PDB file of N, CA and C in Angstrom:
ATOM      1  N   MET A   1      -7.567  12.263  -3.530  1.00  0.00           N
ATOM      2  CA  MET A   1      -7.101  10.893  -3.400  1.00  0.00           C
ATOM      3  C   MET A   1      -6.976  10.307  -4.805  1.00  0.00           C
ATOM      4  N   GLU A   2      -5.842   9.733  -5.082  1.00  0.00           N
ATOM      5  CA  GLU A   2      -5.565   9.174  -6.402  1.00  0.00           C
ATOM      6  C   GLU A   2      -6.079   7.737  -6.493  1.00  0.00           C
ATOM      7  N   LYS A   3      -6.705   7.413  -7.604  1.00  0.00           N
ATOM      8  CA  LYS A   3      -7.194   6.065  -7.856  1.00  0.00           C
ATOM      9  C   LYS A   3      -6.294   5.444  -8.922  1.00  0.00           C
ATOM     10  N   ILE A   4      -5.764   4.250  -8.626  1.00  0.00           N
ATOM     11  CA  ILE A   4      -4.880   3.599  -9.588  1.00  0.00           C
ATOM     12  C   ILE A   4      -5.367   2.183  -9.866  1.00  0.00           C
ATOM     13  N   LYS A   5      -4.968   1.684 -11.025  1.00  0.00           N
ATOM     14  CA  LYS A   5      -5.351   0.339 -11.434  1.00  0.00           C
ATOM     15  C   LYS A   5      -4.142  -0.579 -11.340  1.00  0.00           C
ATOM     16  N   PHE A   6      -4.385  -1.781 -10.841  1.00  0.00           N
ATOM     17  CA  PHE A   6      -3.348  -2.801 -10.741  1.00  0.00           C
ATOM     18  C   PHE A   6      -3.765  -4.010 -11.567  1.00  0.00           C
ATOM     19  N   GLN A   7      -2.815  -4.546 -12.306  1.00  0.00           N
ATOM     20  CA  GLN A   7      -3.041  -5.785 -13.047  1.00  0.00           C
ATOM     21  C   GLN A   7      -2.777  -6.939 -12.092  1.00  0.00           C
ATOM     22  N   THR A   8      -3.785  -7.783 -11.875  1.00  0.00           N
ATOM     23  CA  THR A   8      -3.642  -8.940 -10.993  1.00  0.00           C
ATOM     24  C   THR A   8      -3.881 -10.215 -11.795  1.00  0.00           C
ATOM     25  N   GLU A   9      -3.722 -11.348 -11.154  1.00  0.00           N
ATOM     26  CA  GLU A   9      -3.988 -12.631 -11.814  1.00  0.00           C
ATOM     27  C   GLU A   9      -5.453 -12.747 -12.215  1.00  0.00           C
ATOM     28  N   ASP A  10      -6.335 -12.067 -11.462  1.00  0.00           N
ATOM     29  CA  ASP A  10      -7.776 -12.145 -11.710  1.00  0.00           C
ATOM     30  C   ASP A  10      -8.283 -11.032 -12.624  1.00  0.00           C
ATOM     31  N   GLY A  11      -7.411 -10.188 -13.113  1.00  0.00           N
ATOM     32  CA  GLY A  11      -7.832  -9.070 -13.959  1.00  0.00           C
ATOM     33  C   GLY A  11      -7.294  -7.759 -13.413  1.00  0.00           C
ATOM     34  N   ILE A  12      -8.085  -6.716 -13.545  1.00  0.00           N
ATOM     35  CA  ILE A  12      -7.671  -5.390 -13.086  1.00  0.00           C
ATOM     36  C   ILE A  12      -8.416  -5.041 -11.810  1.00  0.00           C
ATOM     37  N   THR A  13      -7.672  -4.575 -10.815  1.00  0.00           N
ATOM     38  CA  THR A  13      -8.222  -4.147  -9.540  1.00  0.00           C
ATOM     39  C   THR A  13      -7.891  -2.680  -9.344  1.00  0.00           C
ATOM     40  N   GLU A  14      -8.871  -1.909  -8.859  1.00  0.00           N
ATOM     41  CA  GLU A  14      -8.647  -0.492  -8.608  1.00  0.00           C
ATOM     42  C   GLU A  14      -8.537  -0.238  -7.110  1.00  0.00           C
ATOM     43  N   PHE A  15      -7.558   0.589  -6.743  1.00  0.00           N
ATOM     44  CA  PHE A  15      -7.351   0.983  -5.359  1.00  0.00           C
ATOM     45  C   PHE A  15      -7.197   2.496  -5.272  1.00  0.00           C
ATOM     46  N   TYR A  16      -7.504   3.020  -4.108  1.00  0.00           N
ATOM     47  CA  TYR A  16      -7.269   4.427  -3.809  1.00  0.00           C
ATOM     48  C   TYR A  16      -5.976   4.523  -3.018  1.00  0.00           C
ATOM     49  N   VAL A  17      -5.046   5.352  -3.462  1.00  0.00           N
ATOM     50  CA  VAL A  17      -3.786   5.523  -2.750  1.00  0.00           C
ATOM     51  C   VAL A  17      -4.006   6.511  -1.612  1.00  0.00           C
ATOM     52  N   GLU A  18      -3.842   6.030  -0.394  1.00  0.00           N
ATOM     53  CA  GLU A  18      -4.030   6.852   0.796  1.00  0.00           C
ATOM     54  C   GLU A  18      -2.733   7.560   1.189  1.00  0.00           C
ATOM     55  N   GLU A  19      -1.610   6.848   1.048  1.00  0.00           N
ATOM     56  CA  GLU A  19      -0.319   7.403   1.459  1.00  0.00           C
ATOM     57  C   GLU A  19       0.788   6.566   0.848  1.00  0.00           C
ATOM     58  N   GLN A  20       1.973   7.161   0.779  1.00  0.00           N
ATOM     59  CA  GLN A  20       3.161   6.477   0.260  1.00  0.00           C
ATOM     60  C   GLN A  20       4.328   6.834   1.152  1.00  0.00           C
ATOM     61  N   THR A  21       5.223   5.871   1.368  1.00  0.00           N
ATOM     62  CA  THR A  21       6.434   6.127   2.141  1.00  0.00           C
ATOM     63  C   THR A  21       7.552   5.228   1.625  1.00  0.00           C
ATOM     64  N   THR A  22       8.773   5.617   1.937  1.00  0.00           N
ATOM     65  CA  THR A  22       9.938   4.810   1.603  1.00  0.00           C
ATOM     66  C   THR A  22      10.691   4.510   2.894  1.00  0.00           C
ATOM     67  N   ILE A  23      10.947   3.238   3.128  1.00  0.00           N
ATOM     68  CA  ILE A  23      11.654   2.786   4.325  1.00  0.00           C
ATOM     69  C   ILE A  23      12.816   1.926   3.865  1.00  0.00           C
ATOM     70  N   ALA A  24      14.017   2.306   4.248  1.00  0.00           N
ATOM     71  CA  ALA A  24      15.230   1.570   3.888  1.00  0.00           C
ATOM     72  C   ALA A  24      15.311   1.318   2.381  1.00  0.00           C
ATOM     73  N   GLY A  25      14.925   2.318   1.603  1.00  0.00           N
ATOM     74  CA  GLY A  25      15.021   2.224   0.160  1.00  0.00           C
ATOM     75  C   GLY A  25      13.888   1.473  -0.526  1.00  0.00           C
ATOM     76  N   VAL A  26      12.908   1.014   0.242  1.00  0.00           N
ATOM     77  CA  VAL A  26      11.768   0.278  -0.311  1.00  0.00           C
ATOM     78  C   VAL A  26      10.528   1.172  -0.240  1.00  0.00           C
ATOM     79  N   THR A  27       9.810   1.281  -1.356  1.00  0.00           N
ATOM     80  CA  THR A  27       8.603   2.100  -1.407  1.00  0.00           C
ATOM     81  C   THR A  27       7.389   1.259  -1.035  1.00  0.00           C
ATOM     82  N   TYR A  28       6.560   1.826  -0.153  1.00  0.00           N
ATOM     83  CA  TYR A  28       5.326   1.176   0.282  1.00  0.00           C
ATOM     84  C   TYR A  28       4.152   2.097  -0.023  1.00  0.00           C
ATOM     85  N   LEU A  29       3.022   1.491  -0.395  1.00  0.00           N
ATOM     86  CA  LEU A  29       1.783   2.228  -0.593  1.00  0.00           C
ATOM     87  C   LEU A  29       0.742   1.719   0.386  1.00  0.00           C
ATOM     88  N   LEU A  30      -0.003   2.644   0.985  1.00  0.00           N
ATOM     89  CA  LEU A  30      -1.180   2.299   1.759  1.00  0.00           C
ATOM     90  C   LEU A  30      -2.357   2.572   0.831  1.00  0.00           C
ATOM     91  N   VAL A  31      -3.085   1.532   0.475  1.00  0.00           N
ATOM     92  CA  VAL A  31      -4.208   1.672  -0.447  1.00  0.00           C
ATOM     93  C   VAL A  31      -5.481   1.162   0.211  1.00  0.00           C
ATOM     94  N   SER A  32      -6.622   1.640  -0.315  1.00  0.00           N
ATOM     95  CA  SER A  32      -7.915   1.167   0.171  1.00  0.00           C
ATOM     96  C   SER A  32      -8.775   0.784  -1.021  1.00  0.00           C
ATOM     97  N   ASP A  33      -9.800  -0.016  -0.746  1.00  0.00           N
ATOM     98  CA  ASP A  33     -10.677  -0.467  -1.820  1.00  0.00           C
ATOM     99  C   ASP A  33     -11.906   0.413  -1.993  1.00  0.00           C
ATOM    100  N   SER A  34     -11.993   1.498  -1.200  1.00  0.00           N
ATOM    101  CA  SER A  34     -13.146   2.380  -1.268  1.00  0.00           C
ATOM    102  C   SER A  34     -12.753   3.773  -0.807  1.00  0.00           C
ATOM    103  N   ALA A  35     -13.466   4.773  -1.298  1.00  0.00           N
ATOM    104  CA  ALA A  35     -13.225   6.146  -0.866  1.00  0.00           C
ATOM    105  C   ALA A  35     -14.033   6.479   0.394  1.00  0.00           C
ATOM    106  N   GLU A  36     -14.828   5.540   0.865  1.00  0.00           N
ATOM    107  CA  GLU A  36     -15.656   5.735   2.058  1.00  0.00           C
ATOM    108  C   GLU A  36     -14.794   5.702   3.323  1.00  0.00           C
ATOM    109  N   ASP A  37     -15.376   6.161   4.452  1.00  0.00           N
ATOM    110  CA  ASP A  37     -14.651   6.163   5.727  1.00  0.00           C
ATOM    111  C   ASP A  37     -14.264   4.758   6.178  1.00  0.00           C
ATOM    112  N   GLU A  38     -15.175   3.819   6.027  1.00  0.00           N
ATOM    113  CA  GLU A  38     -14.907   2.429   6.408  1.00  0.00           C
ATOM    114  C   GLU A  38     -14.497   1.666   5.154  1.00  0.00           C
ATOM    115  N   ALA A  39     -13.241   1.315   5.043  1.00  0.00           N
ATOM    116  CA  ALA A  39     -12.746   0.624   3.854  1.00  0.00           C
ATOM    117  C   ALA A  39     -11.700  -0.401   4.268  1.00  0.00           C
ATOM    118  N   ASN A  40     -11.490  -1.375   3.414  1.00  0.00           N
ATOM    119  CA  ASN A  40     -10.401  -2.327   3.619  1.00  0.00           C
ATOM    120  C   ASN A  40      -9.121  -1.688   3.117  1.00  0.00           C
ATOM    121  N   ALA A  41      -8.086  -1.750   3.927  1.00  0.00           N
ATOM    122  CA  ALA A  41      -6.799  -1.153   3.563  1.00  0.00           C
ATOM    123  C   ALA A  41      -5.765  -2.261   3.385  1.00  0.00           C
ATOM    124  N   TYR A  42      -4.821  -1.990   2.491  1.00  0.00           N
ATOM    125  CA  TYR A  42      -3.754  -2.939   2.199  1.00  0.00           C
ATOM    126  C   TYR A  42      -2.435  -2.179   2.104  1.00  0.00           C
ATOM    127  N   ILE A  43      -1.367  -2.844   2.464  1.00  0.00           N
ATOM    128  CA  ILE A  43      -0.036  -2.260   2.306  1.00  0.00           C
ATOM    129  C   ILE A  43       0.659  -3.022   1.194  1.00  0.00           C
ATOM    130  N   LEU A  44       1.076  -2.270   0.183  1.00  0.00           N
ATOM    131  CA  LEU A  44       1.750  -2.851  -0.968  1.00  0.00           C
ATOM    132  C   LEU A  44       3.209  -2.433  -0.962  1.00  0.00           C
ATOM    133  N   LYS A  45       4.051  -3.315  -1.433  1.00  0.00           N
ATOM    134  CA  LYS A  45       5.501  -3.115  -1.446  1.00  0.00           C
ATOM    135  C   LYS A  45       5.989  -3.141  -2.885  1.00  0.00           C
ATOM    136  N   ASP A  46       6.806  -2.160  -3.264  1.00  0.00           N
ATOM    137  CA  ASP A  46       7.375  -2.115  -4.608  1.00  0.00           C
ATOM    138  C   ASP A  46       8.506  -3.133  -4.697  1.00  0.00           C
ATOM    139  N   VAL A  47       8.320  -4.137  -5.535  1.00  0.00           N
ATOM    140  CA  VAL A  47       9.321  -5.194  -5.691  1.00  0.00           C
ATOM    141  C   VAL A  47       9.962  -5.168  -7.075  1.00  0.00           C
ATOM    142  N   SER A  48       9.726  -4.088  -7.818  1.00  0.00           N
ATOM    143  CA  SER A  48      10.309  -3.992  -9.161  1.00  0.00           C
ATOM    144  C   SER A  48      11.802  -3.721  -9.063  1.00  0.00           C
ATOM    145  N   GLY A  49      12.502  -4.120 -10.058  1.00  0.00           N
ATOM    146  CA  GLY A  49      13.942  -3.903 -10.098  1.00  0.00           C
ATOM    147  C   GLY A  49      14.270  -2.443 -10.344  1.00  0.00           C
ATOM    148  N   THR A  50      15.483  -2.061 -10.050  1.00  0.00           N
ATOM    149  CA  THR A  50      15.893  -0.663 -10.197  1.00  0.00           C
ATOM    150  C   THR A  50      15.875  -0.198 -11.643  1.00  0.00           C
ATOM    151  N   GLU A  51      16.032  -1.110 -12.585  1.00  0.00           N
ATOM    152  CA  GLU A  51      16.056  -0.742 -13.995  1.00  0.00           C
ATOM    153  C   GLU A  51      14.691  -0.892 -14.662  1.00  0.00           C
ATOM    154  N   SER A  52      13.688  -1.353 -13.929  1.00  0.00           N
ATOM    155  CA  SER A  52      12.356  -1.551 -14.487  1.00  0.00           C
ATOM    156  C   SER A  52      11.665  -0.204 -14.705  1.00  0.00           C
ATOM    157  N   GLN A  53      10.996  -0.074 -15.838  1.00  0.00           N
ATOM    158  CA  GLN A  53      10.275   1.158 -16.133  1.00  0.00           C
ATOM    159  C   GLN A  53       8.880   1.154 -15.528  1.00  0.00           C
ATOM    160  N   GLU A  54       8.370  -0.012 -15.167  1.00  0.00           N
ATOM    161  CA  GLU A  54       7.068  -0.122 -14.535  1.00  0.00           C
ATOM    162  C   GLU A  54       7.238  -0.621 -13.106  1.00  0.00           C
ATOM    163  N   ALA A  55       6.440  -0.060 -12.210  1.00  0.00           N
ATOM    164  CA  ALA A  55       6.469  -0.511 -10.823  1.00  0.00           C
ATOM    165  C   ALA A  55       5.707  -1.827 -10.703  1.00  0.00           C
ATOM    166  N   CYS A  56       6.205  -2.688  -9.848  1.00  0.00           N
ATOM    167  CA  CYS A  56       5.560  -3.974  -9.571  1.00  0.00           C
ATOM    168  C   CYS A  56       5.344  -4.049  -8.060  1.00  0.00           C
ATOM    169  N   TYR A  57       4.084  -4.098  -7.651  1.00  0.00           N
ATOM    170  CA  TYR A  57       3.753  -4.102  -6.229  1.00  0.00           C
ATOM    171  C   TYR A  57       3.175  -5.445  -5.816  1.00  0.00           C
ATOM    172  N   GLU A  58       3.533  -5.859  -4.602  1.00  0.00           N
ATOM    173  CA  GLU A  58       2.967  -7.054  -3.991  1.00  0.00           C
ATOM    174  C   GLU A  58       2.447  -6.686  -2.614  1.00  0.00           C
ATOM    175  N   MET A  59       1.411  -7.382  -2.168  1.00  0.00           N
ATOM    176  CA  MET A  59       0.898  -7.148  -0.817  1.00  0.00           C
ATOM    177  C   MET A  59       1.913  -7.645   0.193  1.00  0.00           C
ATOM    178  N   VAL A  60       2.110  -6.870   1.246  1.00  0.00           N
ATOM    179  CA  VAL A  60       3.025  -7.262   2.315  1.00  0.00           C
ATOM    180  C   VAL A  60       2.337  -8.358   3.130  1.00  0.00           C
ATOM    181  N   GLU A  61       2.980  -9.507   3.232  1.00  0.00           N
ATOM    182  CA  GLU A  61       2.411 -10.639   3.950  1.00  0.00           C
ATOM    183  C   GLU A  61       3.190 -11.002   5.210  1.00  0.00           C
ATOM    184  N   ASP A  62       4.464 -10.622   5.281  1.00  0.00           N
ATOM    185  CA  ASP A  62       5.272 -10.897   6.461  1.00  0.00           C
ATOM    186  C   ASP A  62       4.716 -10.093   7.636  1.00  0.00           C
ATOM    187  N   GLU A  63       4.349 -10.772   8.716  1.00  0.00           N
ATOM    188  CA  GLU A  63       3.682 -10.113   9.851  1.00  0.00           C
ATOM    189  C   GLU A  63       4.538  -9.022  10.490  1.00  0.00           C
ATOM    190  N   ASP A  64       5.834  -9.272  10.665  1.00  0.00           N
ATOM    191  CA  ASP A  64       6.709  -8.279  11.283  1.00  0.00           C
ATOM    192  C   ASP A  64       6.835  -7.035  10.407  1.00  0.00           C
ATOM    193  N   GLU A  65       7.025  -7.245   9.120  1.00  0.00           N
ATOM    194  CA  GLU A  65       7.129  -6.130   8.180  1.00  0.00           C
ATOM    195  C   GLU A  65       5.806  -5.362   8.115  1.00  0.00           C
ATOM    196  N   LEU A  66       4.697  -6.084   8.087  1.00  0.00           N
ATOM    197  CA  LEU A  66       3.375  -5.464   8.031  1.00  0.00           C
ATOM    198  C   LEU A  66       3.122  -4.598   9.264  1.00  0.00           C
ATOM    199  N   LEU A  67       3.462  -5.095  10.418  1.00  0.00           N
ATOM    200  CA  LEU A  67       3.281  -4.345  11.656  1.00  0.00           C
ATOM    201  C   LEU A  67       4.146  -3.092  11.675  1.00  0.00           C
ATOM    202  N   ALA A  68       5.397  -3.212  11.292  1.00  0.00           N
ATOM    203  CA  ALA A  68       6.311  -2.069  11.293  1.00  0.00           C
ATOM    204  C   ALA A  68       5.859  -0.986  10.317  1.00  0.00           C
ATOM    205  N   VAL A  69       5.484  -1.377   9.113  1.00  0.00           N
ATOM    206  CA  VAL A  69       5.069  -0.397   8.104  1.00  0.00           C
ATOM    207  C   VAL A  69       3.725   0.222   8.480  1.00  0.00           C
ATOM    208  N   SER A  70       2.820  -0.568   9.038  1.00  0.00           N
ATOM    209  CA  SER A  70       1.520  -0.013   9.440  1.00  0.00           C
ATOM    210  C   SER A  70       1.686   1.033  10.538  1.00  0.00           C
ATOM    211  N   ARG A  71       2.641   0.845  11.417  1.00  0.00           N
ATOM    212  CA  ARG A  71       2.910   1.859  12.462  1.00  0.00           C
ATOM    213  C   ARG A  71       3.392   3.165  11.841  1.00  0.00           C
ATOM    214  N   VAL A  72       4.224   3.074  10.814  1.00  0.00           N
ATOM    215  CA  VAL A  72       4.699   4.276  10.119  1.00  0.00           C
ATOM    216  C   VAL A  72       3.522   5.007   9.486  1.00  0.00           C
ATOM    217  N   PHE A  73       2.641   4.264   8.815  1.00  0.00           N
ATOM    218  CA  PHE A  73       1.480   4.892   8.189  1.00  0.00           C
ATOM    219  C   PHE A  73       0.541   5.508   9.232  1.00  0.00           C
ATOM    220  N   GLU A  74       0.364   4.850  10.368  1.00  0.00           N
ATOM    221  CA  GLU A  74      -0.483   5.410  11.429  1.00  0.00           C
ATOM    222  C   GLU A  74       0.077   6.728  11.933  1.00  0.00           C
ATOM    223  N   GLN A  75       1.392   6.830  12.046  1.00  0.00           N
ATOM    224  CA  GLN A  75       2.012   8.077  12.479  1.00  0.00           C
ATOM    225  C   GLN A  75       1.849   9.167  11.428  1.00  0.00           C
ATOM    226  N   MET A  76       1.905   8.793  10.171  1.00  0.00           N
ATOM    227  CA  MET A  76       1.760   9.763   9.078  1.00  0.00           C
ATOM    228  C   MET A  76       0.329  10.284   8.987  1.00  0.00           C
ATOM    229  N   LEU A  77      -0.639   9.422   9.286  1.00  0.00           N
ATOM    230  CA  LEU A  77      -2.054   9.769   9.172  1.00  0.00           C
ATOM    231  C   LEU A  77      -2.673   9.776  10.563  1.00  0.00           C
ATOM    232  N   ASP A  78      -2.642  10.908  11.219  1.00  0.00           N
ATOM    233  CA  ASP A  78      -3.097  11.008  12.599  1.00  0.00           C
ATOM    234  C   ASP A  78      -4.544  10.565  12.799  1.00  0.00           C
ATOM    235  N   ASP A  79      -5.415  10.797  11.821  1.00  0.00           N
ATOM    236  CA  ASP A  79      -6.829  10.498  11.985  1.00  0.00           C
ATOM    237  C   ASP A  79      -7.221   9.099  11.512  1.00  0.00           C
ATOM    238  N   VAL A  80      -6.248   8.243  11.232  1.00  0.00           N
ATOM    239  CA  VAL A  80      -6.531   6.902  10.734  1.00  0.00           C
ATOM    240  C   VAL A  80      -6.066   5.869  11.745  1.00  0.00           C
ATOM    241  N   ASP A  81      -6.938   4.899  12.010  1.00  0.00           N
ATOM    242  CA  ASP A  81      -6.589   3.793  12.902  1.00  0.00           C
ATOM    243  C   ASP A  81      -6.622   2.509  12.081  1.00  0.00           C
ATOM    244  N   LEU A  82      -5.457   1.909  11.909  1.00  0.00           N
ATOM    245  CA  LEU A  82      -5.369   0.669  11.133  1.00  0.00           C
ATOM    246  C   LEU A  82      -5.533  -0.517  12.055  1.00  0.00           C
ATOM    247  N   GLU A  83      -6.478  -1.390  11.705  1.00  0.00           N
ATOM    248  CA  GLU A  83      -6.712  -2.609  12.485  1.00  0.00           C
ATOM    249  C   GLU A  83      -6.254  -3.808  11.677  1.00  0.00           C
ATOM    250  N   MET A  84      -5.576  -4.721  12.337  1.00  0.00           N
ATOM    251  CA  MET A  84      -5.077  -5.923  11.650  1.00  0.00           C
ATOM    252  C   MET A  84      -6.056  -7.047  11.851  1.00  0.00           C
TER     253      MET A  84
END
C-alpha cells in the first residue's frame, strides 16, 4: 500500500492509497487515514488541468458523484465495505 503526502490548508496530511480508477476521463483515488482494518476512507478527485505537472486532488463532496464512485470502488475491492 502506497503512502502519499498531500499539501492542505492546515499543513501536510498523509494518506494510504487503497485504489485508483478513472471514470469518464476523471481520476479518482480511494485513500484511508490508517493502514489498520478499521480506517476512515475518502474519495479524492483529480481536478488539475491537463497541462499541469502536479496533480491537484479535492475530496468528492457531491452526494451523487460520491455514491457512484464508491460503488465502483466497492466492486473493485471485493473484501471492502464502504459506509457513508
